[in-house]
Amino acid sequence: MLNEEICKLRDKLNKSIESGEDYSITYQLSIELDELIAQYYKNINQNKKKLKIIMI
């Protein structure tokens, strides 16, 4: 689910860059993408911690 959101936003960002949209729009999309990617890695780390607890 989060992967799909990241892919969609990445495509939207790339189209924004290719079409020469206003920099503020491109910048905002970039920030949103960074936040989703950070959330993705946060989820991975939380899942790893849960697995370690379960394995103990």
PDB file of N, CA and C in Angstrom:
ATOM      1  N   MET A   1       0.821  -1.189   0.000  1.00  0.00           N
ATOM      2  CA  MET A   1       0.000   0.000   0.000  1.00  0.00           C
ATOM      3  C   MET A   1       0.868   1.257   0.000  1.00  0.00           C
ATOM      4  N   LEU A   2       1.777   1.347   0.931  1.00  0.00           N
ATOM      5  CA  LEU A   2       2.675   2.501   0.977  1.00  0.00           C
ATOM      6  C   LEU A   2       3.573   2.500  -0.264  1.00  0.00           C
ATOM      7  N   ASN A   3       3.961   1.304  -0.719  1.00  0.00           N
ATOM      8  CA  ASN A   3       4.776   1.210  -1.935  1.00  0.00           C
ATOM      9  C   ASN A   3       4.049   1.817  -3.126  1.00  0.00           C
ATOM     10  N   GLU A   4       2.761   1.527  -3.232  1.00  0.00           N
ATOM     11  CA  GLU A   4       1.967   2.058  -4.341  1.00  0.00           C
ATOM     12  C   GLU A   4       1.893   3.582  -4.279  1.00  0.00           C
ATOM     13  N   GLU A   5       1.697   4.107  -3.088  1.00  0.00           N
ATOM     14  CA  GLU A   5       1.632   5.567  -2.928  1.00  0.00           C
ATOM     15  C   GLU A   5       2.957   6.206  -3.328  1.00  0.00           C
ATOM     16  N   ILE A   6       4.055   5.571  -2.938  1.00  0.00           N
ATOM     17  CA  ILE A   6       5.379   6.086  -3.292  1.00  0.00           C
ATOM     18  C   ILE A   6       5.558   6.083  -4.803  1.00  0.00           C
ATOM     19  N   CYS A   7       5.189   4.995  -5.446  1.00  0.00           N
ATOM     20  CA  CYS A   7       5.331   4.901  -6.910  1.00  0.00           C
ATOM     21  C   CYS A   7       4.485   5.950  -7.627  1.00  0.00           C
ATOM     22  N   LYS A   8       3.255   6.126  -7.183  1.00  0.00           N
ATOM     23  CA  LYS A   8       2.370   7.117  -7.811  1.00  0.00           C
ATOM     24  C   LYS A   8       2.916   8.526  -7.649  1.00  0.00           C
ATOM     25  N   LEU A   9       3.372   8.833  -6.445  1.00  0.00           N
ATOM     26  CA  LEU A   9       3.898  10.175  -6.194  1.00  0.00           C
ATOM     27  C   LEU A   9       5.211  10.399  -6.940  1.00  0.00           C
ATOM     28  N   ARG A  10       6.024   9.363  -7.039  1.00  0.00           N
ATOM     29  CA  ARG A  10       7.284   9.472  -7.789  1.00  0.00           C
ATOM     30  C   ARG A  10       6.992   9.768  -9.260  1.00  0.00           C
ATOM     31  N   ASP A  11       5.996   9.077  -9.821  1.00  0.00           N
ATOM     32  CA  ASP A  11       5.613   9.327 -11.210  1.00  0.00           C
ATOM     33  C   ASP A  11       5.101  10.752 -11.395  1.00  0.00           C
ATOM     34  N   LYS A  12       4.298  11.192 -10.440  1.00  0.00           N
ATOM     35  CA  LYS A  12       3.762  12.552 -10.494  1.00  0.00           C
ATOM     36  C   LYS A  12       4.893  13.578 -10.427  1.00  0.00           C
ATOM     37  N   LEU A  13       5.866  13.329  -9.567  1.00  0.00           N
ATOM     38  CA  LEU A  13       7.022  14.217  -9.450  1.00  0.00           C
ATOM     39  C   LEU A  13       7.815  14.242 -10.751  1.00  0.00           C
ATOM     40  N   ASN A  14       8.057  13.074 -11.315  1.00  0.00           N
ATOM     41  CA  ASN A  14       8.816  13.005 -12.572  1.00  0.00           C
ATOM     42  C   ASN A  14       8.100  13.759 -13.690  1.00  0.00           C
ATOM     43  N   LYS A  15       6.779  13.615 -13.789  1.00  0.00           N
ATOM     44  CA  LYS A  15       6.017  14.328 -14.805  1.00  0.00           C
ATOM     45  C   LYS A  15       6.080  15.838 -14.576  1.00  0.00           C
ATOM     46  N   SER A  16       6.069  16.226 -13.314  1.00  0.00           N
ATOM     47  CA  SER A  16       6.171  17.636 -12.978  1.00  0.00           C
ATOM     48  C   SER A  16       7.502  18.216 -13.454  1.00  0.00           C
ATOM     49  N   ILE A  17       8.555  17.449 -13.242  1.00  0.00           N
ATOM     50  CA  ILE A  17       9.893  17.894 -13.675  1.00  0.00           C
ATOM     51  C   ILE A  17       9.976  17.944 -15.197  1.00  0.00           C
ATOM     52  N   GLU A  18       9.498  16.874 -15.846  1.00  0.00           N
ATOM     53  CA  GLU A  18       9.569  16.800 -17.307  1.00  0.00           C
ATOM     54  C   GLU A  18       8.759  17.889 -17.994  1.00  0.00           C
ATOM     55  N   SER A  19       7.616  18.239 -17.413  1.00  0.00           N
ATOM     56  CA  SER A  19       6.754  19.232 -18.050  1.00  0.00           C
ATOM     57  C   SER A  19       7.150  20.664 -17.705  1.00  0.00           C
ATOM     58  N   GLY A  20       8.111  20.804 -16.794  1.00  0.00           N
ATOM     59  CA  GLY A  20       8.580  22.146 -16.432  1.00  0.00           C
ATOM     60  C   GLY A  20       7.591  22.916 -15.582  1.00  0.00           C
ATOM     61  N   GLU A  21       6.828  22.191 -14.760  1.00  0.00           N
ATOM     62  CA  GLU A  21       5.875  22.868 -13.873  1.00  0.00           C
ATOM     63  C   GLU A  21       6.604  23.838 -12.954  1.00  0.00           C
ATOM     64  N   ASP A  22       5.833  24.702 -12.348  1.00  0.00           N
ATOM     65  CA  ASP A  22       6.382  25.671 -11.405  1.00  0.00           C
ATOM     66  C   ASP A  22       7.211  24.956 -10.343  1.00  0.00           C
ATOM     67  N   TYR A  23       8.330  25.555  -9.992  1.00  0.00           N
ATOM     68  CA  TYR A  23       9.253  24.938  -9.040  1.00  0.00           C
ATOM     69  C   TYR A  23       8.593  24.638  -7.702  1.00  0.00           C
ATOM     70  N   SER A  24       7.701  25.494  -7.256  1.00  0.00           N
ATOM     71  CA  SER A  24       7.073  25.288  -5.948  1.00  0.00           C
ATOM     72  C   SER A  24       6.242  24.005  -5.931  1.00  0.00           C
ATOM     73  N   ILE A  25       5.613  23.678  -7.046  1.00  0.00           N
ATOM     74  CA  ILE A  25       4.837  22.433  -7.137  1.00  0.00           C
ATOM     75  C   ILE A  25       5.773  21.239  -7.094  1.00  0.00           C
ATOM     76  N   THR A  26       6.825  21.293  -7.878  1.00  0.00           N
ATOM     77  CA  THR A  26       7.804  20.209  -7.915  1.00  0.00           C
ATOM     78  C   THR A  26       8.433  20.018  -6.541  1.00  0.00           C
ATOM     79  N   TYR A  27       8.754  21.113  -5.898  1.00  0.00           N
ATOM     80  CA  TYR A  27       9.365  21.050  -4.569  1.00  0.00           C
ATOM     81  C   TYR A  27       8.417  20.413  -3.553  1.00  0.00           C
ATOM     82  N   GLN A  28       7.146  20.802  -3.593  1.00  0.00           N
ATOM     83  CA  GLN A  28       6.158  20.244  -2.667  1.00  0.00           C
ATOM     84  C   GLN A  28       5.989  18.744  -2.896  1.00  0.00           C
ATOM     85  N   LEU A  29       5.953  18.319  -4.148  1.00  0.00           N
ATOM     86  CA  LEU A  29       5.858  16.887  -4.454  1.00  0.00           C
ATOM     87  C   LEU A  29       7.076  16.138  -3.926  1.00  0.00           C
ATOM     88  N   SER A  30       8.227  16.753  -4.050  1.00  0.00           N
ATOM     89  CA  SER A  30       9.462  16.149  -3.561  1.00  0.00           C
ATOM     90  C   SER A  30       9.420  15.969  -2.042  1.00  0.00           C
ATOM     91  N   ILE A  31       8.921  16.960  -1.350  1.00  0.00           N
ATOM     92  CA  ILE A  31       8.804  16.880   0.106  1.00  0.00           C
ATOM     93  C   ILE A  31       7.842  15.763   0.502  1.00  0.00           C
ATOM     94  N   GLU A  32       6.706  15.692  -0.180  1.00  0.00           N
ATOM     95  CA  GLU A  32       5.727  14.647   0.115  1.00  0.00           C
ATOM     96  C   GLU A  32       6.318  13.256  -0.135  1.00  0.00           C
ATOM     97  N   LEU A  33       7.063  13.132  -1.207  1.00  0.00           N
ATOM     98  CA  LEU A  33       7.697  11.845  -1.521  1.00  0.00           C
ATOM     99  C   LEU A  33       8.721  11.474  -0.450  1.00  0.00           C
ATOM    100  N   ASP A  34       9.515  12.433  -0.034  1.00  0.00           N
ATOM    101  CA  ASP A  34      10.495  12.180   1.036  1.00  0.00           C
ATOM    102  C   ASP A  34       9.811  11.699   2.312  1.00  0.00           C
ATOM    103  N   GLU A  35       8.673  12.307   2.633  1.00  0.00           N
ATOM    104  CA  GLU A  35       7.945  11.917   3.847  1.00  0.00           C
ATOM    105  C   GLU A  35       7.410  10.491   3.744  1.00  0.00           C
ATOM    106  N   LEU A  36       6.905  10.117   2.576  1.00  0.00           N
ATOM    107  CA  LEU A  36       6.414   8.750   2.378  1.00  0.00           C
ATOM    108  C   LEU A  36       7.548   7.734   2.473  1.00  0.00           C
ATOM    109  N   ILE A  37       8.684   8.076   1.881  1.00  0.00           N
ATOM    110  CA  ILE A  37       9.835   7.173   1.931  1.00  0.00           C
ATOM    111  C   ILE A  37      10.325   7.021   3.371  1.00  0.00           C
ATOM    112  N   ALA A  38      10.353   8.103   4.117  1.00  0.00           N
ATOM    113  CA  ALA A  38      10.755   8.034   5.527  1.00  0.00           C
ATOM    114  C   ALA A  38       9.784   7.151   6.307  1.00  0.00           C
ATOM    115  N   GLN A  39       8.499   7.279   6.040  1.00  0.00           N
ATOM    116  CA  GLN A  39       7.494   6.443   6.702  1.00  0.00           C
ATOM    117  C   GLN A  39       7.693   4.972   6.338  1.00  0.00           C
ATOM    118  N   TYR A  40       8.013   4.715   5.092  1.00  0.00           N
ATOM    119  CA  TYR A  40       8.265   3.343   4.620  1.00  0.00           C
ATOM    120  C   TYR A  40       9.407   2.710   5.420  1.00  0.00           C
ATOM    121  N   TYR A  41      10.510   3.421   5.555  1.00  0.00           N
ATOM    122  CA  TYR A  41      11.652   2.884   6.300  1.00  0.00           C
ATOM    123  C   TYR A  41      11.363   2.784   7.795  1.00  0.00           C
ATOM    124  N   LYS A  42      10.588   3.705   8.307  1.00  0.00           N
ATOM    125  CA  LYS A  42      10.189   3.628   9.715  1.00  0.00           C
ATOM    126  C   LYS A  42       9.376   2.356   9.954  1.00  0.00           C
ATOM    127  N   ASN A  43       8.457   2.058   9.043  1.00  0.00           N
ATOM    128  CA  ASN A  43       7.654   0.839   9.153  1.00  0.00           C
ATOM    129  C   ASN A  43       8.521  -0.410   9.094  1.00  0.00           C
ATOM    130  N   ILE A  44       9.512  -0.405   8.227  1.00  0.00           N
ATOM    131  CA  ILE A  44      10.418  -1.555   8.122  1.00  0.00           C
ATOM    132  C   ILE A  44      11.146  -1.763   9.447  1.00  0.00           C
ATOM    133  N   ASN A  45      11.654  -0.687  10.026  1.00  0.00           N
ATOM    134  CA  ASN A  45      12.387  -0.803  11.296  1.00  0.00           C
ATOM    135  C   ASN A  45      11.479  -1.281  12.424  1.00  0.00           C
ATOM    136  N   GLN A  46      10.244  -0.798  12.452  1.00  0.00           N
ATOM    137  CA  GLN A  46       9.305  -1.241  13.477  1.00  0.00           C
ATOM    138  C   GLN A  46       8.994  -2.728  13.318  1.00  0.00           C
ATOM    139  N   ASN A  47       8.835  -3.175  12.085  1.00  0.00           N
ATOM    140  CA  ASN A  47       8.553  -4.584  11.840  1.00  0.00           C
ATOM    141  C   ASN A  47       9.735  -5.461  12.239  1.00  0.00           C
ATOM    142  N   LYS A  48      10.948  -4.990  12.006  1.00  0.00           N
ATOM    143  CA  LYS A  48      12.132  -5.750  12.410  1.00  0.00           C
ATOM    144  C   LYS A  48      12.177  -5.898  13.931  1.00  0.00           C
ATOM    145  N   LYS A  49      11.861  -4.825  14.636  1.00  0.00           N
ATOM    146  CA  LYS A  49      11.857  -4.875  16.100  1.00  0.00           C
ATOM    147  C   LYS A  49      10.808  -5.858  16.602  1.00  0.00           C
ATOM    148  N   LYS A  50       9.638  -5.857  15.977  1.00  0.00           N
ATOM    149  CA  LYS A  50       8.578  -6.788  16.372  1.00  0.00           C
ATOM    150  C   LYS A  50       9.019  -8.225  16.144  1.00  0.00           C
ATOM    151  N   LEU A  51       9.685  -8.462  15.028  1.00  0.00           N
ATOM    152  CA  LEU A  51      10.159  -9.813  14.741  1.00  0.00           C
ATOM    153  C   LEU A  51      11.193 -10.279  15.764  1.00  0.00           C
ATOM    154  N   LYS A  52      12.062  -9.386  16.196  1.00  0.00           N
ATOM    155  CA  LYS A  52      13.076  -9.731  17.178  1.00  0.00           C
ATOM    156  C   LYS A  52      12.400 -10.105  18.496  1.00  0.00           C
ATOM    157  N   ILE A  53      11.374  -9.377  18.866  1.00  0.00           N
ATOM    158  CA  ILE A  53      10.666  -9.670  20.114  1.00  0.00           C
ATOM    159  C   ILE A  53       9.974 -11.039  20.025  1.00  0.00           C
ATOM    160  N   ILE A  54       9.366 -11.310  18.904  1.00  0.00           N
ATOM    161  CA  ILE A  54       8.680 -12.575  18.708  1.00  0.00           C
ATOM    162  C   ILE A  54       9.656 -13.741  18.723  1.00  0.00           C
ATOM    163  N   MET A  55      10.844 -13.561  18.174  1.00  0.00           N
ATOM    164  CA  MET A  55      11.827 -14.630  18.073  1.00  0.00           C
ATOM    165  C   MET A  55      12.481 -14.948  19.421  1.00  0.00           C
ATOM    166  N   ILE A  56      12.417 -14.008  20.342  1.00  0.00           N
ATOM    167  CA  ILE A  56      13.080 -14.218  21.632  1.00  0.00           C
ATOM    168  C   ILE A  56      12.324 -15.167  22.479  1.00  0.00           C
TER     169      ILE A  56
END
